[in-house]
């Protein structure tokens, strides 16, 4: 808002991430966390809400509503990540966006920024879904750095 109370812009998680990644060199205290793996950042211990690839779309929508989430992983019978389903995906076709559990926090942020995604599925070395990292998770980790200082 400007001094007259007029809106000048909207601050979103995506625009904040974009700013952070473009100005990362100005924040040397963030470099250590950027080199840590998602496991080291505590981002691989969350439950993966999913639907089997053979399920009807209606079942996925019911599951999203019941669990109050906007997206589900689509898995095969062995837990391998096949894709993602969200309300947006029902209208448009999106690629699978994933990172390995050993990927660095910095790499994951770069991938989120480049794809303009709000979440990345985390897979293990076998390609099985083991977690999800969202922009909210990213900012929770970054805000933890403030608390440590």
C-alpha atoms as a PDB file:
ATOM      1  CA  UNK A   1       0.000   0.000   0.000  1.00  0.00           C
ATOM      2  CA  UNK A   2       1.232   3.472  -0.699  1.00  0.00           C
ATOM      3  CA  UNK A   3       0.948   6.434   1.684  1.00  0.00           C
ATOM      4  CA  UNK A   4      -2.546   7.200   0.331  1.00  0.00           C
ATOM      5  CA  UNK A   5      -3.790   3.676   1.048  1.00  0.00           C
ATOM      6  CA  UNK A   6      -3.795   2.562  -2.577  1.00  0.00           C
ATOM      7  CA  UNK A   7      -2.695  -0.950  -3.355  1.00  0.00           C
ATOM      8  CA  UNK A   8       0.669  -1.083  -5.127  1.00  0.00           C
ATOM      9  CA  UNK A   9       0.951  -4.848  -5.461  1.00  0.00           C
ATOM     10  CA  UNK A  10       0.359  -8.261  -3.966  1.00  0.00           C
ATOM     11  CA  UNK A  11       2.970 -10.182  -2.018  1.00  0.00           C
ATOM     12  CA  UNK A  12       2.629 -13.925  -2.608  1.00  0.00           C
ATOM     13  CA  UNK A  13       4.764 -16.896  -1.669  1.00  0.00           C
ATOM     14  CA  UNK A  14       5.729 -17.274  -5.329  1.00  0.00           C
ATOM     15  CA  UNK A  15       6.828 -13.658  -5.706  1.00  0.00           C
ATOM     16  CA  UNK A  16       8.737 -13.845  -2.408  1.00  0.00           C
ATOM     17  CA  UNK A  17      10.560 -16.988  -3.566  1.00  0.00           C
ATOM     18  CA  UNK A  18      11.332 -15.372  -6.910  1.00  0.00           C
ATOM     19  CA  UNK A  19      12.788 -12.315  -5.171  1.00  0.00           C
ATOM     20  CA  UNK A  20      14.804 -14.462  -2.769  1.00  0.00           C
ATOM     21  CA  UNK A  21      16.307 -16.585  -5.537  1.00  0.00           C
ATOM     22  CA  UNK A  22      17.181 -13.539  -7.679  1.00  0.00           C
ATOM     23  CA  UNK A  23      18.875 -11.839  -4.703  1.00  0.00           C
ATOM     24  CA  UNK A  24      20.324 -14.889  -2.955  1.00  0.00           C
ATOM     25  CA  UNK A  25      23.886 -13.549  -3.175  1.00  0.00           C
ATOM     26  CA  UNK A  26      22.810 -10.636  -0.956  1.00  0.00           C
ATOM     27  CA  UNK A  27      21.966 -13.064   1.874  1.00  0.00           C
ATOM     28  CA  UNK A  28      25.152 -15.029   2.646  1.00  0.00           C
ATOM     29  CA  UNK A  29      23.632 -16.358   5.875  1.00  0.00           C
ATOM     30  CA  UNK A  30      21.244 -18.454   3.732  1.00  0.00           C
ATOM     31  CA  UNK A  31      24.045 -20.298   1.929  1.00  0.00           C
ATOM     32  CA  UNK A  32      24.429 -23.093   4.526  1.00  0.00           C
ATOM     33  CA  UNK A  33      20.732 -24.045   4.408  1.00  0.00           C
ATOM     34  CA  UNK A  34      20.788 -24.033   0.611  1.00  0.00           C
ATOM     35  CA  UNK A  35      23.383 -26.812   0.673  1.00  0.00           C
ATOM     36  CA  UNK A  36      21.423 -29.042   3.071  1.00  0.00           C
ATOM     37  CA  UNK A  37      19.353 -31.924   1.740  1.00  0.00           C
ATOM     38  CA  UNK A  38      15.595 -31.978   2.079  1.00  0.00           C
ATOM     39  CA  UNK A  39      16.093 -34.754   4.632  1.00  0.00           C
ATOM     40  CA  UNK A  40      18.406 -32.528   6.688  1.00  0.00           C
ATOM     41  CA  UNK A  41      15.802 -29.747   6.526  1.00  0.00           C
ATOM     42  CA  UNK A  42      13.183 -32.118   7.961  1.00  0.00           C
ATOM     43  CA  UNK A  43      11.008 -31.984   4.856  1.00  0.00           C
ATOM     44  CA  UNK A  44      10.773 -35.716   4.062  1.00  0.00           C
ATOM     45  CA  UNK A  45       8.880 -36.897   7.113  1.00  0.00           C
ATOM     46  CA  UNK A  46       5.390 -35.862   6.072  1.00  0.00           C
ATOM     47  CA  UNK A  47       2.615 -38.202   5.003  1.00  0.00           C
ATOM     48  CA  UNK A  48       1.989 -38.448   1.270  1.00  0.00           C
ATOM     49  CA  UNK A  49      -1.696 -38.033   0.542  1.00  0.00           C
ATOM     50  CA  UNK A  50      -2.258 -39.953  -2.648  1.00  0.00           C
ATOM     51  CA  UNK A  51      -4.621 -41.702  -4.970  1.00  0.00           C
ATOM     52  CA  UNK A  52      -3.931 -44.799  -7.070  1.00  0.00           C
ATOM     53  CA  UNK A  53      -3.553 -44.126 -10.784  1.00  0.00           C
ATOM     54  CA  UNK A  54      -6.490 -46.434 -11.490  1.00  0.00           C
ATOM     55  CA  UNK A  55      -8.919 -44.446  -9.301  1.00  0.00           C
ATOM     56  CA  UNK A  56     -11.680 -42.312 -10.752  1.00  0.00           C
ATOM     57  CA  UNK A  57     -11.148 -38.555 -10.723  1.00  0.00           C
ATOM     58  CA  UNK A  58     -14.224 -38.187  -8.514  1.00  0.00           C
ATOM     59  CA  UNK A  59     -12.514 -40.273  -5.804  1.00  0.00           C
ATOM     60  CA  UNK A  60      -9.486 -37.975  -5.965  1.00  0.00           C
ATOM     61  CA  UNK A  61     -11.705 -34.903  -5.617  1.00  0.00           C
ATOM     62  CA  UNK A  62     -13.477 -36.433  -2.620  1.00  0.00           C
ATOM     63  CA  UNK A  63     -10.115 -37.227  -1.018  1.00  0.00           C
ATOM     64  CA  UNK A  64      -8.858 -33.662  -1.584  1.00  0.00           C
ATOM     65  CA  UNK A  65     -12.017 -32.269  -0.013  1.00  0.00           C
ATOM     66  CA  UNK A  66     -11.987 -34.700   2.924  1.00  0.00           C
ATOM     67  CA  UNK A  67      -8.319 -33.981   3.693  1.00  0.00           C
ATOM     68  CA  UNK A  68      -8.568 -30.226   3.000  1.00  0.00           C
ATOM     69  CA  UNK A  69      -5.722 -30.297   0.484  1.00  0.00           C
ATOM     70  CA  UNK A  70      -5.477 -28.884  -3.007  1.00  0.00           C
ATOM     71  CA  UNK A  71      -3.363 -31.640  -4.541  1.00  0.00           C
ATOM     72  CA  UNK A  72      -2.715 -35.382  -4.346  1.00  0.00           C
ATOM     73  CA  UNK A  73       0.132 -37.552  -5.569  1.00  0.00           C
ATOM     74  CA  UNK A  74      -0.918 -40.151  -8.129  1.00  0.00           C
ATOM     75  CA  UNK A  75       0.865 -43.440  -7.365  1.00  0.00           C
ATOM     76  CA  UNK A  76       0.993 -46.901  -8.869  1.00  0.00           C
ATOM     77  CA  UNK A  77       0.499 -50.073  -6.809  1.00  0.00           C
ATOM     78  CA  UNK A  78       4.177 -50.032  -5.736  1.00  0.00           C
ATOM     79  CA  UNK A  79       4.066 -46.419  -4.556  1.00  0.00           C
ATOM     80  CA  UNK A  80       5.902 -45.048  -7.605  1.00  0.00           C
ATOM     81  CA  UNK A  81       5.001 -41.463  -8.418  1.00  0.00           C
ATOM     82  CA  UNK A  82       2.988 -41.312 -11.647  1.00  0.00           C
ATOM     83  CA  UNK A  83       1.823 -37.736 -11.435  1.00  0.00           C
ATOM     84  CA  UNK A  84      -0.123 -35.129  -9.563  1.00  0.00           C
ATOM     85  CA  UNK A  85      -3.782 -34.200  -9.496  1.00  0.00           C
ATOM     86  CA  UNK A  86      -5.215 -30.881  -8.403  1.00  0.00           C
ATOM     87  CA  UNK A  87      -8.151 -28.741  -9.384  1.00  0.00           C
ATOM     88  CA  UNK A  88      -5.900 -26.934 -11.848  1.00  0.00           C
ATOM     89  CA  UNK A  89      -4.724 -30.242 -13.333  1.00  0.00           C
ATOM     90  CA  UNK A  90      -8.302 -31.206 -14.104  1.00  0.00           C
ATOM     91  CA  UNK A  91      -8.453 -28.203 -16.443  1.00  0.00           C
ATOM     92  CA  UNK A  92      -4.873 -28.272 -17.746  1.00  0.00           C
ATOM     93  CA  UNK A  93      -2.143 -30.840 -18.334  1.00  0.00           C
ATOM     94  CA  UNK A  94       0.920 -30.433 -16.078  1.00  0.00           C
ATOM     95  CA  UNK A  95       4.158 -32.452 -15.914  1.00  0.00           C
ATOM     96  CA  UNK A  96       5.213 -34.433 -12.860  1.00  0.00           C
ATOM     97  CA  UNK A  97       7.263 -32.173 -10.610  1.00  0.00           C
ATOM     98  CA  UNK A  98       9.517 -34.073  -8.252  1.00  0.00           C
ATOM     99  CA  UNK A  99      12.839 -33.924  -6.454  1.00  0.00           C
ATOM    100  CA  UNK A 100      14.892 -36.620  -4.766  1.00  0.00           C
ATOM    101  CA  UNK A 101      14.975 -36.752  -0.976  1.00  0.00           C
ATOM    102  CA  UNK A 102      18.742 -36.107  -1.243  1.00  0.00           C
ATOM    103  CA  UNK A 103      18.259 -32.983  -3.387  1.00  0.00           C
ATOM    104  CA  UNK A 104      19.519 -29.823  -1.765  1.00  0.00           C
ATOM    105  CA  UNK A 105      17.147 -27.221  -0.409  1.00  0.00           C
ATOM    106  CA  UNK A 106      18.665 -24.711  -2.852  1.00  0.00           C
ATOM    107  CA  UNK A 107      18.082 -26.993  -5.854  1.00  0.00           C
ATOM    108  CA  UNK A 108      14.490 -27.527  -4.764  1.00  0.00           C
ATOM    109  CA  UNK A 109      13.900 -23.783  -4.421  1.00  0.00           C
ATOM    110  CA  UNK A 110      15.400 -23.207  -7.867  1.00  0.00           C
ATOM    111  CA  UNK A 111      13.106 -25.854  -9.356  1.00  0.00           C
ATOM    112  CA  UNK A 112      10.056 -24.382  -7.607  1.00  0.00           C
ATOM    113  CA  UNK A 113      10.994 -20.942  -8.934  1.00  0.00           C
ATOM    114  CA  UNK A 114      11.668 -22.139 -12.489  1.00  0.00           C
ATOM    115  CA  UNK A 115       8.450 -24.138 -12.768  1.00  0.00           C
ATOM    116  CA  UNK A 116       6.321 -21.640 -10.825  1.00  0.00           C
ATOM    117  CA  UNK A 117       4.974 -24.645  -8.924  1.00  0.00           C
ATOM    118  CA  UNK A 118       3.622 -24.457  -5.397  1.00  0.00           C
ATOM    119  CA  UNK A 119       4.819 -27.934  -4.444  1.00  0.00           C
ATOM    120  CA  UNK A 120       7.269 -30.669  -5.413  1.00  0.00           C
ATOM    121  CA  UNK A 121       6.779 -34.336  -4.676  1.00  0.00           C
ATOM    122  CA  UNK A 122       9.753 -35.935  -2.945  1.00  0.00           C
ATOM    123  CA  UNK A 123      10.808 -39.375  -4.192  1.00  0.00           C
ATOM    124  CA  UNK A 124      13.417 -41.825  -2.935  1.00  0.00           C
ATOM    125  CA  UNK A 125      16.094 -43.414  -5.114  1.00  0.00           C
ATOM    126  CA  UNK A 126      13.530 -45.992  -6.321  1.00  0.00           C
ATOM    127  CA  UNK A 127      11.114 -43.284  -7.467  1.00  0.00           C
ATOM    128  CA  UNK A 128       8.608 -43.961  -4.688  1.00  0.00           C
ATOM    129  CA  UNK A 129       6.861 -40.934  -3.222  1.00  0.00           C
ATOM    130  CA  UNK A 130       8.097 -40.241   0.317  1.00  0.00           C
ATOM    131  CA  UNK A 131       6.929 -36.676   0.856  1.00  0.00           C
ATOM    132  CA  UNK A 132       5.940 -33.340  -0.538  1.00  0.00           C
ATOM    133  CA  UNK A 133       7.538 -29.929  -0.106  1.00  0.00           C
ATOM    134  CA  UNK A 134       5.315 -26.883  -0.547  1.00  0.00           C
ATOM    135  CA  UNK A 135       6.070 -23.180  -0.590  1.00  0.00           C
ATOM    136  CA  UNK A 136       4.624 -23.056   2.915  1.00  0.00           C
ATOM    137  CA  UNK A 137       7.189 -25.666   4.007  1.00  0.00           C
ATOM    138  CA  UNK A 138       9.969 -23.641   2.376  1.00  0.00           C
ATOM    139  CA  UNK A 139       9.042 -20.496   4.275  1.00  0.00           C
ATOM    140  CA  UNK A 140       8.651 -22.482   7.507  1.00  0.00           C
ATOM    141  CA  UNK A 141      12.283 -23.637   7.151  1.00  0.00           C
ATOM    142  CA  UNK A 142      13.469 -20.121   6.299  1.00  0.00           C
ATOM    143  CA  UNK A 143      11.560 -18.567   9.185  1.00  0.00           C
ATOM    144  CA  UNK A 144      13.253 -21.094  11.479  1.00  0.00           C
ATOM    145  CA  UNK A 145      16.541 -19.402  10.600  1.00  0.00           C
ATOM    146  CA  UNK A 146      15.182 -16.136  11.976  1.00  0.00           C
ATOM    147  CA  UNK A 147      14.202 -17.868  15.213  1.00  0.00           C
ATOM    148  CA  UNK A 148      17.744 -19.269  15.559  1.00  0.00           C
ATOM    149  CA  UNK A 149      19.367 -15.823  15.419  1.00  0.00           C
END
